[in-house]
């Protein structure tokens, strides 16, 4: 039987973090697509101490075309940054200190990650196969997403790591090609599970809908 993580513990950790850092004013982090002929499809920003990248900061189906800039407001601190282009190639900056004036990154082809380099900052979803989870529950939000290799006895960590997927929001994890079980939990602790999903390079998309609720035979 899989075991989910305690949502209360996540809230407690978040509260302690906010207490220790204070209410810092957010600053702009600008990511510019300087990849010439390639669109950027994913922009991830993670604190250096985080275990997962978190959500894609490009909203919905938006892409960052060459020359365009994506602005994300963040609190000053140390971050890892990663973008992925339309071919699935990644570009990563680790341990970037963002001060009160913000930070600008123009992503160029020279920034492409080496296939043999350790560019994932030990993040748990490292891989080239995207698993996209979209909340289409119409009402209510998703507060937990777990992705575990089929046959494992544990779900592992909540990929949202305290974030919330409101209706229409998406989260994308990147995993190695394999067969996975996927577990989603909403704000009412209702669960939605898909078993033995084969995830290959093309990835897997799941629009979590009311009919997907566990135990619903309709």
N, C-alpha and C. Protein backbone atom coordinates (compact mmCIF):
# COMPACT_ATOMS: atom_id res chain seq x y z
N UNK A 1 0.87 -1.19 0.00
CA UNK A 1 0.00 0.00 0.00
C UNK A 1 0.90 1.24 0.00
N UNK A 2 0.60 2.16 -0.89
CA UNK A 2 1.35 3.41 -0.93
C UNK A 2 1.01 4.28 0.28
N UNK A 3 1.96 5.08 0.69
CA UNK A 3 1.74 5.98 1.82
C UNK A 3 1.95 7.41 1.36
N UNK A 4 0.94 8.28 1.52
CA UNK A 4 1.07 9.68 1.12
C UNK A 4 1.75 10.48 2.21
N UNK A 5 2.36 11.58 1.84
CA UNK A 5 3.00 12.46 2.81
C UNK A 5 1.96 13.30 3.54
N UNK A 6 2.34 13.82 4.70
CA UNK A 6 1.40 14.58 5.54
C UNK A 6 1.36 16.02 5.07
N UNK A 7 0.18 16.46 4.61
CA UNK A 7 0.04 17.83 4.11
C UNK A 7 0.27 18.83 5.24
N UNK A 8 -0.12 18.46 6.47
CA UNK A 8 0.05 19.38 7.60
C UNK A 8 1.52 19.70 7.82
N UNK A 9 2.38 18.72 7.62
CA UNK A 9 3.82 18.94 7.81
C UNK A 9 4.35 19.95 6.79
N UNK A 10 3.82 19.88 5.56
CA UNK A 10 4.25 20.83 4.54
C UNK A 10 3.86 22.25 4.94
N UNK A 11 2.63 22.41 5.43
CA UNK A 11 2.16 23.74 5.85
C UNK A 11 3.01 24.26 6.99
N UNK A 12 3.37 23.38 7.95
CA UNK A 12 4.20 23.80 9.08
C UNK A 12 5.56 24.27 8.61
N UNK A 13 6.16 23.52 7.71
CA UNK A 13 7.48 23.90 7.19
C UNK A 13 7.41 25.23 6.46
N UNK A 14 6.32 25.44 5.68
CA UNK A 14 6.15 26.69 4.96
C UNK A 14 6.01 27.85 5.93
N UNK A 15 5.26 27.65 7.00
CA UNK A 15 5.08 28.71 7.99
C UNK A 15 6.40 29.06 8.66
N UNK A 16 7.21 28.05 8.99
CA UNK A 16 8.51 28.30 9.59
C UNK A 16 9.42 29.05 8.65
N UNK A 17 9.34 28.71 7.37
CA UNK A 17 10.16 29.41 6.37
C UNK A 17 9.79 30.88 6.30
N UNK A 18 8.48 31.15 6.24
CA UNK A 18 8.03 32.54 6.15
C UNK A 18 8.42 33.32 7.40
N UNK A 19 8.35 32.65 8.56
CA UNK A 19 8.70 33.32 9.81
C UNK A 19 10.18 33.68 9.84
N UNK A 20 11.02 32.75 9.34
CA UNK A 20 12.46 32.96 9.42
C UNK A 20 12.97 33.96 8.40
N UNK A 21 12.31 34.06 7.23
CA UNK A 21 12.80 34.95 6.19
C UNK A 21 12.15 36.32 6.23
N UNK A 22 10.96 36.40 6.84
CA UNK A 22 10.26 37.67 6.86
C UNK A 22 9.55 37.92 5.55
N UNK A 23 8.88 39.04 5.45
CA UNK A 23 8.11 39.37 4.25
C UNK A 23 8.98 40.22 3.34
N UNK A 24 9.81 39.58 2.54
CA UNK A 24 10.69 40.30 1.64
C UNK A 24 9.92 40.73 0.40
N UNK A 25 10.23 41.91 -0.09
CA UNK A 25 9.59 42.39 -1.30
C UNK A 25 10.11 41.60 -2.49
N UNK A 26 9.21 41.20 -3.38
CA UNK A 26 9.61 40.40 -4.52
C UNK A 26 10.30 41.26 -5.58
N UNK A 27 11.19 40.60 -6.33
CA UNK A 27 11.98 41.28 -7.36
C UNK A 27 11.81 40.52 -8.67
N UNK A 28 12.06 41.16 -9.83
CA UNK A 28 11.83 40.50 -11.11
C UNK A 28 12.98 39.57 -11.49
N UNK A 29 12.62 38.37 -11.91
CA UNK A 29 13.54 37.44 -12.54
C UNK A 29 13.11 37.33 -14.00
N UNK A 30 13.92 37.83 -14.92
CA UNK A 30 13.59 37.86 -16.33
C UNK A 30 14.36 36.78 -17.09
N UNK A 31 13.63 35.95 -17.83
CA UNK A 31 14.23 34.93 -18.67
C UNK A 31 13.94 35.29 -20.12
N UNK A 32 14.99 35.52 -20.90
CA UNK A 32 14.86 35.90 -22.30
C UNK A 32 15.26 34.72 -23.18
N UNK A 33 14.45 34.43 -24.18
CA UNK A 33 14.78 33.36 -25.12
C UNK A 33 15.76 33.89 -26.17
N UNK A 34 17.02 33.48 -26.03
CA UNK A 34 18.04 33.83 -27.02
C UNK A 34 18.48 32.62 -27.82
N UNK A 35 17.56 31.66 -28.03
CA UNK A 35 17.90 30.40 -28.68
C UNK A 35 17.73 30.45 -30.20
N UNK A 36 17.59 31.61 -30.76
CA UNK A 36 17.52 31.81 -32.22
C UNK A 36 16.25 31.22 -32.82
N UNK A 37 16.23 29.92 -33.13
CA UNK A 37 15.08 29.34 -33.83
C UNK A 37 14.28 28.35 -32.99
N UNK A 38 14.51 28.34 -31.69
CA UNK A 38 13.85 27.36 -30.83
C UNK A 38 12.98 28.04 -29.78
N UNK A 39 11.75 27.54 -29.65
CA UNK A 39 10.86 28.02 -28.59
C UNK A 39 11.24 27.39 -27.26
N UNK A 40 11.03 28.13 -26.19
CA UNK A 40 11.15 27.59 -24.83
C UNK A 40 9.75 27.22 -24.36
N UNK A 41 9.59 25.99 -23.88
CA UNK A 41 8.27 25.50 -23.47
C UNK A 41 8.10 25.42 -21.96
N UNK A 42 9.20 25.36 -21.21
CA UNK A 42 9.10 25.25 -19.76
C UNK A 42 10.13 26.15 -19.10
N UNK A 43 9.72 26.82 -18.03
CA UNK A 43 10.62 27.63 -17.21
C UNK A 43 10.40 27.21 -15.76
N UNK A 44 11.46 26.69 -15.13
CA UNK A 44 11.37 26.23 -13.75
C UNK A 44 12.30 27.05 -12.87
N UNK A 45 11.81 27.37 -11.68
CA UNK A 45 12.58 28.14 -10.72
C UNK A 45 12.44 27.45 -9.37
N UNK A 46 13.54 27.11 -8.76
CA UNK A 46 13.51 26.38 -7.49
C UNK A 46 14.54 26.95 -6.54
N UNK A 47 14.17 27.11 -5.27
CA UNK A 47 15.17 27.47 -4.27
C UNK A 47 16.20 26.34 -4.19
N UNK A 48 17.42 26.69 -3.91
CA UNK A 48 18.49 25.71 -3.90
C UNK A 48 18.26 24.56 -2.95
N UNK A 49 17.46 24.77 -1.90
CA UNK A 49 17.21 23.72 -0.91
C UNK A 49 15.99 22.87 -1.24
N UNK A 50 15.24 23.22 -2.30
CA UNK A 50 14.03 22.48 -2.63
C UNK A 50 14.35 21.12 -3.23
N UNK A 51 13.40 20.18 -3.10
CA UNK A 51 13.58 18.83 -3.63
C UNK A 51 12.95 18.65 -5.00
N UNK A 52 12.12 19.60 -5.43
CA UNK A 52 11.48 19.51 -6.74
C UNK A 52 11.53 20.87 -7.41
N UNK A 53 11.39 20.87 -8.73
CA UNK A 53 11.38 22.14 -9.45
C UNK A 53 10.11 22.94 -9.19
N UNK A 54 8.98 22.25 -9.06
CA UNK A 54 7.72 22.99 -8.91
C UNK A 54 7.02 23.14 -10.25
N UNK A 55 6.15 24.13 -10.38
CA UNK A 55 5.32 24.28 -11.57
C UNK A 55 6.06 25.02 -12.68
N UNK A 56 5.57 24.82 -13.90
CA UNK A 56 6.06 25.54 -15.06
C UNK A 56 5.56 26.98 -14.98
N UNK A 57 6.47 27.94 -15.06
CA UNK A 57 6.09 29.33 -14.92
C UNK A 57 5.59 29.96 -16.23
N UNK A 58 5.53 29.20 -17.31
CA UNK A 58 4.86 29.68 -18.51
C UNK A 58 3.41 29.25 -18.41
N UNK A 59 2.47 30.18 -18.39
CA UNK A 59 1.07 29.84 -18.10
C UNK A 59 0.42 29.04 -19.22
N UNK A 60 -0.37 28.04 -18.83
CA UNK A 60 -1.17 27.29 -19.78
C UNK A 60 -0.34 26.66 -20.89
N UNK A 61 -0.76 26.92 -22.14
CA UNK A 61 -0.06 26.38 -23.30
C UNK A 61 0.91 27.40 -23.90
N UNK A 62 1.22 28.45 -23.16
CA UNK A 62 2.09 29.50 -23.66
C UNK A 62 3.50 28.97 -23.89
N UNK A 63 4.17 29.50 -24.91
CA UNK A 63 5.58 29.20 -25.15
C UNK A 63 6.33 30.52 -25.24
N UNK A 64 7.63 30.46 -24.98
CA UNK A 64 8.47 31.64 -25.04
C UNK A 64 9.22 31.60 -26.37
N UNK A 65 8.75 32.39 -27.31
CA UNK A 65 9.35 32.41 -28.64
C UNK A 65 10.67 33.19 -28.60
N UNK A 66 11.56 32.96 -29.60
CA UNK A 66 12.83 33.68 -29.63
C UNK A 66 12.64 35.19 -29.50
N UNK A 67 13.40 35.79 -28.60
CA UNK A 67 13.32 37.22 -28.39
C UNK A 67 12.36 37.64 -27.31
N UNK A 68 11.45 36.77 -26.92
CA UNK A 68 10.47 37.11 -25.89
C UNK A 68 11.06 36.95 -24.49
N UNK A 69 10.45 37.67 -23.54
CA UNK A 69 10.92 37.66 -22.16
C UNK A 69 9.79 37.19 -21.25
N UNK A 70 10.10 36.29 -20.33
CA UNK A 70 9.17 35.89 -19.28
C UNK A 70 9.65 36.50 -17.96
N UNK A 71 8.75 37.21 -17.29
CA UNK A 71 9.09 37.82 -16.00
C UNK A 71 8.38 37.08 -14.89
N UNK A 72 9.15 36.65 -13.90
CA UNK A 72 8.61 35.98 -12.72
C UNK A 72 9.08 36.76 -11.49
N UNK A 73 8.15 37.08 -10.59
CA UNK A 73 8.49 37.81 -9.39
C UNK A 73 8.85 36.82 -8.28
N UNK A 74 10.04 36.98 -7.71
CA UNK A 74 10.53 36.08 -6.66
C UNK A 74 11.09 36.90 -5.51
N UNK A 75 11.21 36.28 -4.36
CA UNK A 75 11.89 36.91 -3.24
C UNK A 75 13.40 36.75 -3.41
N UNK A 76 14.19 37.71 -2.97
CA UNK A 76 15.64 37.55 -3.04
C UNK A 76 16.09 36.26 -2.36
N UNK A 77 17.08 35.62 -2.94
CA UNK A 77 17.57 34.37 -2.38
C UNK A 77 18.42 33.63 -3.38
N UNK A 78 18.73 32.37 -3.08
CA UNK A 78 19.54 31.53 -3.96
C UNK A 78 18.62 30.54 -4.66
N UNK A 79 18.73 30.48 -5.99
CA UNK A 79 17.82 29.68 -6.79
C UNK A 79 18.58 28.84 -7.82
N UNK A 80 17.93 27.75 -8.23
CA UNK A 80 18.32 27.01 -9.43
C UNK A 80 17.30 27.35 -10.51
N UNK A 81 17.77 27.54 -11.74
CA UNK A 81 16.90 27.89 -12.86
C UNK A 81 17.07 26.85 -13.96
N UNK A 82 15.96 26.46 -14.58
CA UNK A 82 16.05 25.54 -15.71
C UNK A 82 14.96 25.84 -16.73
N UNK A 83 15.32 25.82 -18.00
CA UNK A 83 14.33 25.94 -19.08
C UNK A 83 14.50 24.74 -20.00
N UNK A 84 13.42 24.40 -20.72
CA UNK A 84 13.46 23.32 -21.69
C UNK A 84 12.91 23.83 -23.00
N UNK A 85 13.61 23.53 -24.11
CA UNK A 85 13.15 24.00 -25.41
C UNK A 85 12.23 22.97 -26.06
N UNK A 86 11.80 23.28 -27.28
CA UNK A 86 10.82 22.44 -27.97
C UNK A 86 11.35 21.05 -28.32
N UNK A 87 12.67 20.88 -28.34
CA UNK A 87 13.27 19.58 -28.63
C UNK A 87 13.54 18.77 -27.37
N UNK A 88 13.20 19.31 -26.21
CA UNK A 88 13.45 18.61 -24.96
C UNK A 88 14.82 18.84 -24.38
N UNK A 89 15.62 19.72 -25.00
CA UNK A 89 16.93 20.05 -24.44
C UNK A 89 16.76 21.01 -23.27
N UNK A 90 17.59 20.84 -22.25
CA UNK A 90 17.50 21.68 -21.05
C UNK A 90 18.70 22.60 -20.94
N UNK A 91 18.48 23.71 -20.22
CA UNK A 91 19.49 24.73 -19.97
C UNK A 91 19.34 25.10 -18.50
N UNK A 92 20.40 24.95 -17.72
CA UNK A 92 20.29 25.06 -16.26
C UNK A 92 21.34 25.98 -15.68
N UNK A 93 20.91 26.82 -14.73
CA UNK A 93 21.83 27.61 -13.91
C UNK A 93 21.60 27.19 -12.47
N UNK A 94 22.66 26.83 -11.78
CA UNK A 94 22.56 26.39 -10.38
C UNK A 94 23.12 27.45 -9.43
N UNK A 95 22.49 27.54 -8.26
CA UNK A 95 22.98 28.38 -7.16
C UNK A 95 23.17 29.83 -7.58
N UNK A 96 22.14 30.40 -8.20
CA UNK A 96 22.16 31.79 -8.62
C UNK A 96 21.62 32.65 -7.48
N UNK A 97 22.42 33.61 -7.02
CA UNK A 97 21.98 34.50 -5.95
C UNK A 97 21.28 35.70 -6.56
N UNK A 98 20.00 35.85 -6.23
CA UNK A 98 19.19 36.95 -6.75
C UNK A 98 19.05 38.00 -5.65
N UNK A 99 19.54 39.19 -5.92
CA UNK A 99 19.50 40.27 -4.94
C UNK A 99 18.30 41.17 -5.12
N UNK A 100 18.34 42.33 -4.49
CA UNK A 100 17.19 43.23 -4.49
C UNK A 100 16.95 43.89 -5.85
N UNK A 101 17.92 43.81 -6.75
CA UNK A 101 17.73 44.39 -8.09
C UNK A 101 17.21 43.37 -9.09
N UNK A 102 17.00 42.12 -8.65
CA UNK A 102 16.49 41.09 -9.55
C UNK A 102 17.59 40.42 -10.34
N UNK A 103 17.20 39.70 -11.39
CA UNK A 103 18.17 38.94 -12.17
C UNK A 103 17.66 38.78 -13.59
N UNK A 104 18.58 38.87 -14.57
CA UNK A 104 18.23 38.69 -15.98
C UNK A 104 19.06 37.54 -16.55
N UNK A 105 18.38 36.60 -17.21
CA UNK A 105 19.07 35.49 -17.88
C UNK A 105 18.62 35.42 -19.32
N UNK A 106 19.55 35.66 -20.25
CA UNK A 106 19.29 35.45 -21.67
C UNK A 106 19.82 34.06 -22.01
N UNK A 107 18.91 33.13 -22.27
CA UNK A 107 19.28 31.74 -22.54
C UNK A 107 19.80 31.63 -23.97
N UNK A 108 21.02 31.14 -24.13
CA UNK A 108 21.61 30.97 -25.46
C UNK A 108 21.93 29.50 -25.70
N UNK A 109 22.23 29.18 -26.94
CA UNK A 109 22.56 27.80 -27.29
C UNK A 109 23.80 27.31 -26.56
N UNK A 110 24.69 28.23 -26.19
CA UNK A 110 25.90 27.85 -25.46
C UNK A 110 25.58 27.37 -24.04
N UNK A 111 24.37 27.67 -23.55
CA UNK A 111 23.99 27.28 -22.19
C UNK A 111 23.43 25.87 -22.11
N UNK A 112 23.32 25.17 -23.24
CA UNK A 112 22.67 23.85 -23.25
C UNK A 112 23.38 22.91 -22.29
N UNK A 113 22.60 22.10 -21.58
CA UNK A 113 23.16 21.16 -20.62
C UNK A 113 23.87 20.02 -21.32
N UNK A 114 25.03 19.66 -20.83
CA UNK A 114 25.73 18.48 -21.31
C UNK A 114 24.96 17.25 -20.89
N UNK A 115 24.84 16.28 -21.77
CA UNK A 115 24.10 15.06 -21.44
C UNK A 115 24.77 14.29 -20.30
N UNK A 116 26.06 14.53 -20.10
CA UNK A 116 26.78 13.80 -19.06
C UNK A 116 26.98 14.61 -17.79
N UNK A 117 26.51 15.88 -17.82
CA UNK A 117 26.72 16.74 -16.65
C UNK A 117 25.60 16.54 -15.65
N UNK A 118 25.92 16.78 -14.39
CA UNK A 118 24.90 16.71 -13.35
C UNK A 118 24.26 18.08 -13.22
N UNK A 119 23.19 18.31 -14.02
CA UNK A 119 22.56 19.63 -14.07
C UNK A 119 21.23 19.65 -13.34
N UNK A 120 20.88 18.60 -12.65
CA UNK A 120 19.54 18.50 -12.09
C UNK A 120 19.47 18.91 -10.63
N UNK A 121 20.57 19.31 -10.04
CA UNK A 121 20.59 19.75 -8.65
C UNK A 121 19.98 18.72 -7.71
N UNK A 122 20.12 17.45 -8.07
CA UNK A 122 19.58 16.34 -7.27
C UNK A 122 18.07 16.40 -7.13
N UNK A 123 17.38 17.06 -8.06
CA UNK A 123 15.93 17.15 -7.98
C UNK A 123 15.31 15.81 -8.36
N UNK A 124 14.25 15.45 -7.66
CA UNK A 124 13.74 14.09 -7.74
C UNK A 124 13.08 13.76 -9.06
N UNK A 125 12.69 14.74 -9.87
CA UNK A 125 11.99 14.42 -11.09
C UNK A 125 12.90 14.39 -12.30
N UNK A 126 14.23 14.39 -12.09
CA UNK A 126 15.17 14.51 -13.20
C UNK A 126 14.92 13.42 -14.24
N UNK A 127 14.81 13.82 -15.49
CA UNK A 127 14.58 12.92 -16.60
C UNK A 127 14.17 13.72 -17.81
N UNK A 128 13.91 13.05 -18.90
CA UNK A 128 13.56 13.73 -20.14
C UNK A 128 12.12 13.47 -20.58
N UNK A 129 11.35 12.75 -19.78
CA UNK A 129 9.98 12.39 -20.16
C UNK A 129 8.98 13.19 -19.32
N UNK A 130 8.22 14.09 -19.93
CA UNK A 130 7.31 14.93 -19.16
C UNK A 130 6.02 14.22 -18.76
N UNK A 131 5.61 14.41 -17.51
CA UNK A 131 4.30 13.97 -17.02
C UNK A 131 3.56 15.23 -16.62
N UNK A 132 2.52 15.59 -17.38
CA UNK A 132 1.78 16.83 -17.16
C UNK A 132 0.44 16.54 -16.50
N UNK A 133 0.21 17.17 -15.36
CA UNK A 133 -1.04 17.02 -14.60
C UNK A 133 -1.78 18.35 -14.64
N UNK A 134 -3.01 18.36 -15.15
CA UNK A 134 -3.81 19.57 -15.24
C UNK A 134 -5.08 19.41 -14.41
N UNK A 135 -5.38 20.40 -13.59
CA UNK A 135 -6.58 20.38 -12.76
C UNK A 135 -7.78 20.85 -13.57
N UNK A 136 -8.69 19.92 -13.93
CA UNK A 136 -9.93 20.27 -14.62
C UNK A 136 -11.14 19.87 -13.77
N UNK A 137 -10.99 20.02 -12.45
CA UNK A 137 -12.05 19.62 -11.53
C UNK A 137 -13.18 20.62 -11.44
N UNK A 138 -13.05 21.77 -12.12
CA UNK A 138 -14.09 22.81 -12.18
C UNK A 138 -14.24 23.57 -10.87
N UNK A 139 -14.28 22.88 -9.77
CA UNK A 139 -14.31 23.55 -8.47
C UNK A 139 -13.36 22.81 -7.54
N UNK A 140 -12.69 23.55 -6.70
CA UNK A 140 -11.73 22.94 -5.80
C UNK A 140 -10.35 22.91 -6.41
N UNK A 141 -9.35 22.72 -5.56
CA UNK A 141 -7.98 22.74 -6.04
C UNK A 141 -7.27 21.44 -5.69
N UNK A 142 -6.15 21.23 -6.36
CA UNK A 142 -5.31 20.06 -6.13
C UNK A 142 -4.13 20.48 -5.25
N UNK A 143 -3.91 19.75 -4.16
CA UNK A 143 -2.80 20.11 -3.27
C UNK A 143 -1.75 19.01 -3.17
N UNK A 144 -1.91 17.94 -3.94
CA UNK A 144 -0.92 16.87 -3.89
C UNK A 144 -0.82 16.10 -5.19
N UNK A 145 0.41 15.86 -5.65
CA UNK A 145 0.68 15.03 -6.82
C UNK A 145 1.85 14.11 -6.47
N UNK A 146 1.62 12.81 -6.57
CA UNK A 146 2.66 11.83 -6.31
C UNK A 146 2.85 10.96 -7.54
N UNK A 147 4.09 10.71 -7.91
CA UNK A 147 4.42 9.89 -9.07
C UNK A 147 5.44 8.86 -8.62
N UNK A 148 5.08 7.59 -8.73
CA UNK A 148 5.93 6.54 -8.19
C UNK A 148 6.08 5.41 -9.21
N UNK A 149 7.27 4.85 -9.36
CA UNK A 149 7.42 3.69 -10.25
C UNK A 149 6.46 2.58 -9.84
N UNK A 150 5.78 1.99 -10.81
CA UNK A 150 4.84 0.91 -10.49
C UNK A 150 5.58 -0.22 -9.77
N UNK A 151 4.93 -0.74 -8.75
CA UNK A 151 5.55 -1.80 -7.97
C UNK A 151 6.24 -1.30 -6.72
N UNK A 152 6.43 0.01 -6.61
CA UNK A 152 7.05 0.56 -5.41
C UNK A 152 6.06 0.49 -4.25
N UNK A 153 6.58 0.35 -3.04
CA UNK A 153 5.74 0.30 -1.85
C UNK A 153 5.44 1.67 -1.28
N UNK A 154 6.04 2.72 -1.82
CA UNK A 154 5.84 4.06 -1.29
C UNK A 154 5.62 5.03 -2.45
N UNK A 155 4.81 6.07 -2.17
CA UNK A 155 4.59 7.12 -3.17
C UNK A 155 5.78 8.07 -3.25
N UNK A 156 6.47 8.27 -2.14
CA UNK A 156 7.55 9.25 -2.13
C UNK A 156 7.02 10.63 -1.76
N UNK A 157 7.70 11.67 -2.23
CA UNK A 157 7.36 13.04 -1.86
C UNK A 157 6.25 13.62 -2.73
N UNK A 158 5.50 14.55 -2.15
CA UNK A 158 4.51 15.32 -2.88
C UNK A 158 5.23 16.28 -3.82
N UNK A 159 5.04 16.14 -5.11
CA UNK A 159 5.75 16.97 -6.09
C UNK A 159 5.37 18.45 -6.00
N UNK A 160 4.19 18.75 -5.49
CA UNK A 160 3.78 20.16 -5.42
C UNK A 160 4.51 20.90 -4.31
N UNK A 161 4.98 20.17 -3.31
CA UNK A 161 5.83 20.76 -2.27
C UNK A 161 5.22 22.03 -1.68
N UNK A 162 3.91 21.98 -1.39
CA UNK A 162 3.23 23.12 -0.78
C UNK A 162 2.53 24.04 -1.75
N UNK A 163 2.77 23.87 -3.06
CA UNK A 163 2.07 24.68 -4.05
C UNK A 163 0.67 24.12 -4.27
N UNK A 164 -0.19 24.91 -4.93
CA UNK A 164 -1.58 24.53 -5.16
C UNK A 164 -1.88 24.66 -6.65
N UNK A 165 -2.59 23.68 -7.20
CA UNK A 165 -3.07 23.76 -8.57
C UNK A 165 -4.54 24.13 -8.53
N UNK A 166 -4.84 25.38 -8.89
CA UNK A 166 -6.23 25.79 -9.01
C UNK A 166 -6.79 25.31 -10.35
N UNK A 167 -8.08 25.43 -10.54
CA UNK A 167 -8.71 24.96 -11.77
C UNK A 167 -8.02 25.59 -12.99
N UNK A 168 -7.58 24.74 -13.90
CA UNK A 168 -6.90 25.20 -15.10
C UNK A 168 -5.39 25.21 -14.99
N UNK A 169 -4.85 25.12 -13.76
CA UNK A 169 -3.40 25.10 -13.57
C UNK A 169 -2.82 23.73 -13.91
N UNK A 170 -1.54 23.72 -14.31
CA UNK A 170 -0.86 22.48 -14.65
C UNK A 170 0.46 22.38 -13.90
N UNK A 171 0.87 21.14 -13.67
CA UNK A 171 2.19 20.85 -13.12
C UNK A 171 2.84 19.80 -14.01
N UNK A 172 4.11 19.99 -14.34
CA UNK A 172 4.83 19.02 -15.16
C UNK A 172 6.06 18.53 -14.42
N UNK A 173 6.15 17.21 -14.27
CA UNK A 173 7.35 16.58 -13.71
C UNK A 173 8.09 15.89 -14.85
N UNK A 174 9.39 15.77 -14.71
CA UNK A 174 10.19 15.08 -15.71
C UNK A 174 10.80 13.84 -15.08
N UNK A 175 10.54 12.69 -15.71
CA UNK A 175 10.95 11.41 -15.15
C UNK A 175 11.70 10.61 -16.21
N UNK A 176 12.36 9.57 -15.75
CA UNK A 176 12.98 8.64 -16.67
C UNK A 176 11.90 7.76 -17.31
N UNK A 177 12.16 7.25 -18.52
CA UNK A 177 11.21 6.36 -19.18
C UNK A 177 10.99 5.12 -18.31
N UNK A 178 9.73 4.86 -17.98
CA UNK A 178 9.40 3.73 -17.11
C UNK A 178 7.89 3.65 -16.99
N UNK A 179 7.40 2.73 -16.19
CA UNK A 179 5.97 2.60 -15.90
C UNK A 179 5.70 3.15 -14.51
N UNK A 180 4.70 4.03 -14.40
CA UNK A 180 4.47 4.76 -13.15
C UNK A 180 3.01 4.66 -12.70
N UNK A 181 2.82 4.80 -11.38
CA UNK A 181 1.50 5.05 -10.80
C UNK A 181 1.46 6.53 -10.44
N UNK A 182 0.30 7.17 -10.66
CA UNK A 182 0.15 8.60 -10.41
C UNK A 182 -1.04 8.81 -9.48
N UNK A 183 -0.80 9.55 -8.40
CA UNK A 183 -1.82 9.77 -7.38
C UNK A 183 -1.99 11.27 -7.17
N UNK A 184 -3.24 11.73 -7.23
CA UNK A 184 -3.56 13.15 -7.07
C UNK A 184 -4.56 13.29 -5.93
N UNK A 185 -4.40 14.33 -5.12
CA UNK A 185 -5.32 14.58 -4.00
C UNK A 185 -5.84 16.00 -4.07
N UNK A 186 -7.16 16.17 -3.88
CA UNK A 186 -7.72 17.52 -3.91
C UNK A 186 -7.86 18.08 -2.50
N UNK A 187 -8.43 19.28 -2.40
CA UNK A 187 -8.51 19.97 -1.11
C UNK A 187 -9.40 19.25 -0.11
N UNK A 188 -10.30 18.39 -0.58
CA UNK A 188 -11.18 17.63 0.30
C UNK A 188 -10.63 16.25 0.63
N UNK A 189 -9.36 16.02 0.26
CA UNK A 189 -8.67 14.75 0.48
C UNK A 189 -9.25 13.62 -0.36
N UNK A 190 -10.03 13.97 -1.41
CA UNK A 190 -10.46 12.97 -2.37
C UNK A 190 -9.26 12.60 -3.24
N UNK A 191 -9.19 11.33 -3.62
CA UNK A 191 -8.03 10.86 -4.38
C UNK A 191 -8.41 10.47 -5.80
N UNK A 192 -7.42 10.58 -6.68
CA UNK A 192 -7.55 10.26 -8.10
C UNK A 192 -6.27 9.52 -8.48
N UNK A 193 -6.40 8.29 -8.96
CA UNK A 193 -5.21 7.47 -9.19
C UNK A 193 -5.25 6.81 -10.56
N UNK A 194 -4.10 6.80 -11.21
CA UNK A 194 -3.92 6.03 -12.43
C UNK A 194 -2.73 5.10 -12.23
N UNK A 195 -2.95 3.84 -12.64
CA UNK A 195 -1.98 2.80 -12.36
C UNK A 195 -1.28 2.35 -13.65
N UNK A 196 -0.02 1.97 -13.49
CA UNK A 196 0.75 1.33 -14.56
C UNK A 196 0.72 2.12 -15.87
N UNK A 197 1.08 3.41 -15.76
CA UNK A 197 1.13 4.28 -16.93
C UNK A 197 2.54 4.23 -17.53
N UNK A 198 2.61 3.82 -18.78
CA UNK A 198 3.90 3.78 -19.46
C UNK A 198 4.25 5.18 -19.93
N UNK A 199 5.35 5.71 -19.44
CA UNK A 199 5.80 7.06 -19.79
C UNK A 199 7.07 6.92 -20.62
N UNK A 200 7.01 7.40 -21.85
CA UNK A 200 8.16 7.37 -22.74
C UNK A 200 8.53 8.79 -23.12
N UNK A 201 9.40 8.96 -24.11
CA UNK A 201 9.94 10.29 -24.45
C UNK A 201 8.84 11.30 -24.75
N UNK A 202 7.75 10.84 -25.40
CA UNK A 202 6.66 11.75 -25.74
C UNK A 202 5.91 12.24 -24.51
N UNK A 203 6.09 11.55 -23.38
CA UNK A 203 5.47 12.00 -22.14
C UNK A 203 4.05 11.51 -21.96
N UNK A 204 3.40 12.03 -20.94
CA UNK A 204 2.03 11.64 -20.60
C UNK A 204 1.29 12.84 -20.04
N UNK A 205 0.05 13.05 -20.52
CA UNK A 205 -0.79 14.16 -20.07
C UNK A 205 -2.04 13.61 -19.41
N UNK A 206 -2.36 14.13 -18.24
CA UNK A 206 -3.58 13.73 -17.54
C UNK A 206 -4.33 14.98 -17.11
N UNK A 207 -5.52 15.18 -17.69
CA UNK A 207 -6.44 16.23 -17.26
C UNK A 207 -7.34 15.63 -16.18
N UNK A 208 -7.02 15.90 -14.93
CA UNK A 208 -7.75 15.28 -13.82
C UNK A 208 -9.16 15.85 -13.76
N UNK A 209 -10.15 14.99 -13.96
CA UNK A 209 -11.55 15.40 -14.03
C UNK A 209 -12.36 14.75 -12.91
N UNK A 210 -13.57 15.26 -12.63
CA UNK A 210 -14.39 14.67 -11.56
C UNK A 210 -14.63 13.17 -11.73
N UNK A 211 -14.77 12.70 -12.97
CA UNK A 211 -15.05 11.28 -13.20
C UNK A 211 -13.85 10.39 -12.87
N UNK A 212 -12.69 11.00 -12.65
CA UNK A 212 -11.49 10.20 -12.34
C UNK A 212 -11.37 9.86 -10.85
N UNK A 213 -12.30 10.36 -10.05
CA UNK A 213 -12.20 10.15 -8.61
C UNK A 213 -12.16 8.65 -8.29
N UNK A 214 -11.34 8.25 -7.34
CA UNK A 214 -11.23 6.84 -6.98
C UNK A 214 -12.54 6.31 -6.45
N UNK A 215 -12.93 5.13 -6.93
CA UNK A 215 -14.16 4.50 -6.47
C UNK A 215 -15.38 4.92 -7.24
N UNK A 216 -15.21 5.86 -8.23
CA UNK A 216 -16.36 6.30 -9.04
C UNK A 216 -16.46 5.39 -10.25
N UNK A 217 -17.56 4.66 -10.34
CA UNK A 217 -17.76 3.71 -11.44
C UNK A 217 -18.55 4.31 -12.59
N UNK A 218 -18.87 5.60 -12.52
CA UNK A 218 -19.71 6.19 -13.56
C UNK A 218 -18.91 6.36 -14.82
